[in-house]
Amino acid sequence: GSESFPSVSAGYLLSEEKFWTISSINLFKIRASWGISGNINPLDSYHLEKTNQIDAGIDMGLFDGTVSFSFDYFNRKSNGLITHRSVNDGLYDYPIEVDTLTNWIEFGAVTNKGMEFGLGIITNIGDINLTFNANATTMSNEVSEMNSTIHYISGDMVGGSNMVTMITNGQPIWSFSGLEYSGKDNQGNLKYV
């Protein structure tokens, strides 16, 4: 069957309105968008990964366009994500690196959200035009839903047995994990939880 991927966006240039009286801000625009995108897993033509995204932001031009500022907020949730199946030996999960249909599993959803800031300055020194731009981004990433049949999915290993990265609900995707020190036993050996 076919899938629909709707989207919509809108912007409003407040600085073009008659009520706008702030002369030092010659451009002030608010904008927002929402949309769904997706793709079909090439190994499994019926499996569809979908991303639902919301964005909102403002754009400003100050002092006749010599200074610009932008701010964006985004919230993106990707559903139906897949990874290799794992074999559980009772202690750790080891990934199977075989590209067959039966070794892929849908593990859940990941949410990415954050903010982006941009600042630009245009100036002249004699006949030389200079433009300076800077930007900064903050982002949080979290496995927001997990397949109910999976507790965690292991990633990289150290020494063949100590899991270093994993996918688990409520944590960043491929977050680092490690043993927690709990003291020493009666023989002076280190103990871990």
Protein backbone atom coordinates (compact mmCIF):
# COMPACT_ATOMS: atom_id res chain seq x y z
CA GLY A 1 0.00 0.00 0.00
CA SER A 2 0.91 3.64 -0.20
CA GLU A 3 1.65 5.89 2.74
CA SER A 4 0.90 9.57 3.29
CA PHE A 5 3.49 11.96 4.68
CA PRO A 6 1.66 15.22 5.45
CA SER A 7 3.34 18.46 6.47
CA VAL A 8 2.37 22.06 7.06
CA SER A 9 4.27 25.26 7.82
CA ALA A 10 3.39 28.87 8.51
CA GLY A 11 5.23 32.11 9.12
CA TYR A 12 4.16 35.57 10.17
CA LEU A 13 6.26 38.67 9.50
CA LEU A 14 5.17 40.90 12.36
CA SER A 15 7.61 43.66 11.42
CA GLU A 16 5.58 44.32 8.23
CA GLU A 17 2.45 45.16 10.23
CA LYS A 18 1.33 48.74 10.81
CA PHE A 19 1.39 48.26 14.58
CA TRP A 20 5.14 47.40 14.55
CA THR A 21 6.94 50.42 16.00
CA ILE A 22 10.33 49.07 17.14
CA SER A 23 12.66 50.81 14.69
CA SER A 24 15.83 49.00 15.80
CA ILE A 25 14.25 45.63 14.86
CA ASN A 26 13.58 45.89 11.12
CA LEU A 27 12.70 42.20 10.70
CA PHE A 28 10.76 40.03 13.15
CA LYS A 29 9.27 36.77 11.94
CA ILE A 30 7.70 33.88 13.85
CA ARG A 31 7.35 30.48 12.19
CA ALA A 32 6.27 26.94 12.90
CA SER A 33 6.09 23.65 11.04
CA TRP A 34 4.93 20.08 11.53
CA GLY A 35 5.41 17.06 9.35
CA ILE A 36 5.82 13.33 9.04
CA SER A 37 8.51 11.69 6.96
CA GLY A 38 9.33 8.04 6.53
CA ASN A 39 11.16 5.35 4.70
CA ILE A 40 10.79 1.67 4.00
CA ASN A 41 13.49 -0.61 5.31
CA PRO A 42 15.26 -2.01 2.21
CA LEU A 43 15.69 -5.42 3.89
CA ASP A 44 12.03 -5.64 4.81
CA SER A 45 9.86 -3.83 2.26
CA TYR A 46 6.74 -3.81 4.45
CA HIS A 47 8.39 -2.21 7.50
CA LEU A 48 7.99 1.57 7.64
CA GLU A 49 10.01 3.88 9.88
CA LYS A 50 8.25 7.21 10.51
CA THR A 51 9.45 10.50 11.98
CA ASN A 52 7.03 13.05 13.39
CA GLN A 53 8.61 16.50 13.78
CA ILE A 54 7.55 19.86 15.20
CA ASP A 55 9.63 23.02 14.76
CA ALA A 56 9.04 26.58 15.96
CA GLY A 57 11.26 29.61 15.74
CA ILE A 58 11.86 33.30 15.30
CA ASP A 59 14.06 35.32 12.95
CA MET A 60 15.19 38.85 13.73
CA GLY A 61 17.08 41.50 11.82
CA LEU A 62 18.38 44.43 13.83
CA PHE A 63 19.97 47.79 13.05
CA ASP A 64 19.11 47.82 9.34
CA GLY A 65 20.16 44.21 8.85
CA THR A 66 23.66 44.50 10.30
CA VAL A 67 22.79 42.03 13.07
CA SER A 68 20.67 38.92 12.64
CA PHE A 69 19.42 36.47 15.25
CA SER A 70 17.50 33.22 14.92
CA PHE A 71 16.08 30.76 17.43
CA ASP A 72 14.57 27.33 16.73
CA TYR A 73 12.99 24.68 18.93
CA PHE A 74 12.60 21.17 17.53
CA ASN A 75 10.99 17.96 18.76
CA ARG A 76 11.44 14.89 16.55
CA LYS A 77 10.15 11.39 17.34
CA SER A 78 11.18 8.47 15.14
CA ASN A 79 9.03 5.32 15.41
CA GLY A 80 9.51 1.81 14.10
CA LEU A 81 13.30 1.85 14.36
CA ILE A 82 15.09 -1.41 13.70
CA THR A 83 18.34 -3.10 14.72
CA HIS A 84 19.93 -6.54 14.56
CA ARG A 85 18.41 -9.21 16.79
CA SER A 86 20.60 -10.39 19.67
CA VAL A 87 21.25 -13.76 21.29
CA ASN A 88 20.99 -13.78 25.07
CA ASP A 89 23.35 -16.15 26.88
CA GLY A 90 21.89 -15.29 30.29
CA LEU A 91 24.49 -12.62 31.05
CA TYR A 92 24.83 -10.33 28.02
CA ASP A 93 23.20 -9.85 24.63
CA TYR A 94 25.53 -10.40 21.68
CA PRO A 95 24.53 -8.88 18.34
CA ILE A 96 24.26 -11.20 15.36
CA GLU A 97 25.88 -9.51 12.35
CA VAL A 98 23.94 -11.37 9.65
CA ASP A 99 21.97 -9.36 7.09
CA THR A 100 18.90 -11.54 6.71
CA LEU A 101 15.26 -10.66 7.26
CA THR A 102 14.96 -12.88 10.32
CA ASN A 103 17.80 -11.14 12.17
CA TRP A 104 16.23 -7.66 12.25
CA ILE A 105 13.85 -6.49 14.98
CA GLU A 106 11.84 -3.34 15.59
CA PHE A 107 13.08 -2.01 18.91
CA GLY A 108 11.01 1.12 19.46
CA ALA A 109 11.14 4.89 19.20
CA VAL A 110 13.70 7.64 19.79
CA THR A 111 12.91 11.28 20.63
CA ASN A 112 15.34 14.09 19.80
CA LYS A 113 14.57 17.59 21.00
CA GLY A 114 16.51 20.75 21.44
CA MET A 115 17.19 24.34 20.48
CA GLU A 116 19.32 26.08 17.89
CA PHE A 117 20.61 29.64 18.12
CA GLY A 118 22.18 31.73 15.37
CA LEU A 119 23.84 35.14 15.41
CA GLY A 120 25.19 37.06 12.43
CA ILE A 121 26.99 40.38 12.12
CA ILE A 122 27.71 42.29 8.91
CA THR A 123 30.22 45.13 9.01
CA ASN A 124 32.52 47.10 6.73
CA ILE A 125 36.12 48.08 7.23
CA GLY A 126 36.86 50.51 4.45
CA ASP A 127 36.07 48.73 1.18
CA ILE A 128 36.07 45.30 2.83
CA ASN A 129 32.73 43.71 3.70
CA LEU A 130 32.91 41.27 6.64
CA THR A 131 30.30 38.77 7.75
CA PHE A 132 30.54 36.85 11.03
CA ASN A 133 28.18 34.00 11.87
CA ALA A 134 27.95 31.80 14.95
CA ASN A 135 25.53 29.09 15.94
CA ALA A 136 24.94 26.78 18.89
CA THR A 137 22.70 23.75 19.33
CA THR A 138 21.46 21.86 22.35
CA MET A 139 19.90 18.42 21.94
CA SER A 140 18.64 15.63 24.13
CA ASN A 141 18.19 12.15 22.75
CA GLU A 142 16.14 9.45 24.47
CA VAL A 143 14.79 6.01 23.70
CA SER A 144 11.17 6.98 24.42
CA GLU A 145 9.54 3.61 23.68
CA MET A 146 10.96 0.10 23.72
CA ASN A 147 9.59 -3.13 22.28
CA SER A 148 7.99 -4.92 25.27
CA THR A 149 9.89 -8.13 24.48
CA ILE A 150 13.30 -6.41 24.81
CA HIS A 151 14.89 -5.26 28.07
CA TYR A 152 17.98 -3.84 26.37
CA ILE A 153 20.08 -4.24 23.23
CA SER A 154 23.81 -4.47 23.65
CA GLY A 155 26.27 -2.62 21.49
CA ASP A 156 30.05 -2.48 21.69
CA MET A 157 31.90 -4.84 24.00
CA VAL A 158 35.27 -4.53 25.75
CA GLY A 159 37.26 -7.70 26.20
CA GLY A 160 34.45 -9.71 24.61
CA SER A 161 32.27 -9.67 27.71
CA ASN A 162 31.90 -6.20 29.23
CA MET A 163 29.12 -4.25 27.53
CA VAL A 164 30.04 -0.61 26.83
CA THR A 165 27.04 0.74 24.88
CA MET A 166 23.38 -0.21 24.89
CA ILE A 167 19.86 0.74 23.86
CA THR A 168 17.41 0.81 26.76
CA ASN A 169 14.22 2.71 27.53
CA GLY A 170 14.61 6.16 29.04
CA GLN A 171 18.30 6.53 28.09
CA PRO A 172 20.06 8.11 25.11
CA ILE A 173 20.39 5.71 22.17
CA TRP A 174 23.63 3.73 22.38
CA SER A 175 24.33 5.16 25.82
CA PHE A 176 27.44 4.10 27.69
CA SER A 177 27.07 1.59 30.50
CA GLY A 178 29.51 0.10 32.93
CA LEU A 179 29.89 -1.82 36.12
CA GLU A 180 29.20 0.00 39.37
CA TYR A 181 31.84 -0.42 42.07
CA SER A 182 30.35 -1.74 45.33
CA GLY A 183 33.46 -2.26 47.49
CA LYS A 184 35.74 -5.20 48.21
CA ASP A 185 34.97 -8.75 49.27
CA ASN A 186 36.61 -10.55 52.24
CA GLN A 187 39.64 -11.45 50.12
CA GLY A 188 40.20 -7.83 49.04
CA ASN A 189 38.90 -8.33 45.50
CA LEU A 190 36.92 -5.54 43.89
CA LYS A 191 33.15 -6.11 43.73
CA TYR A 192 30.76 -4.67 41.17
CA VAL A 193 26.99 -4.53 40.91
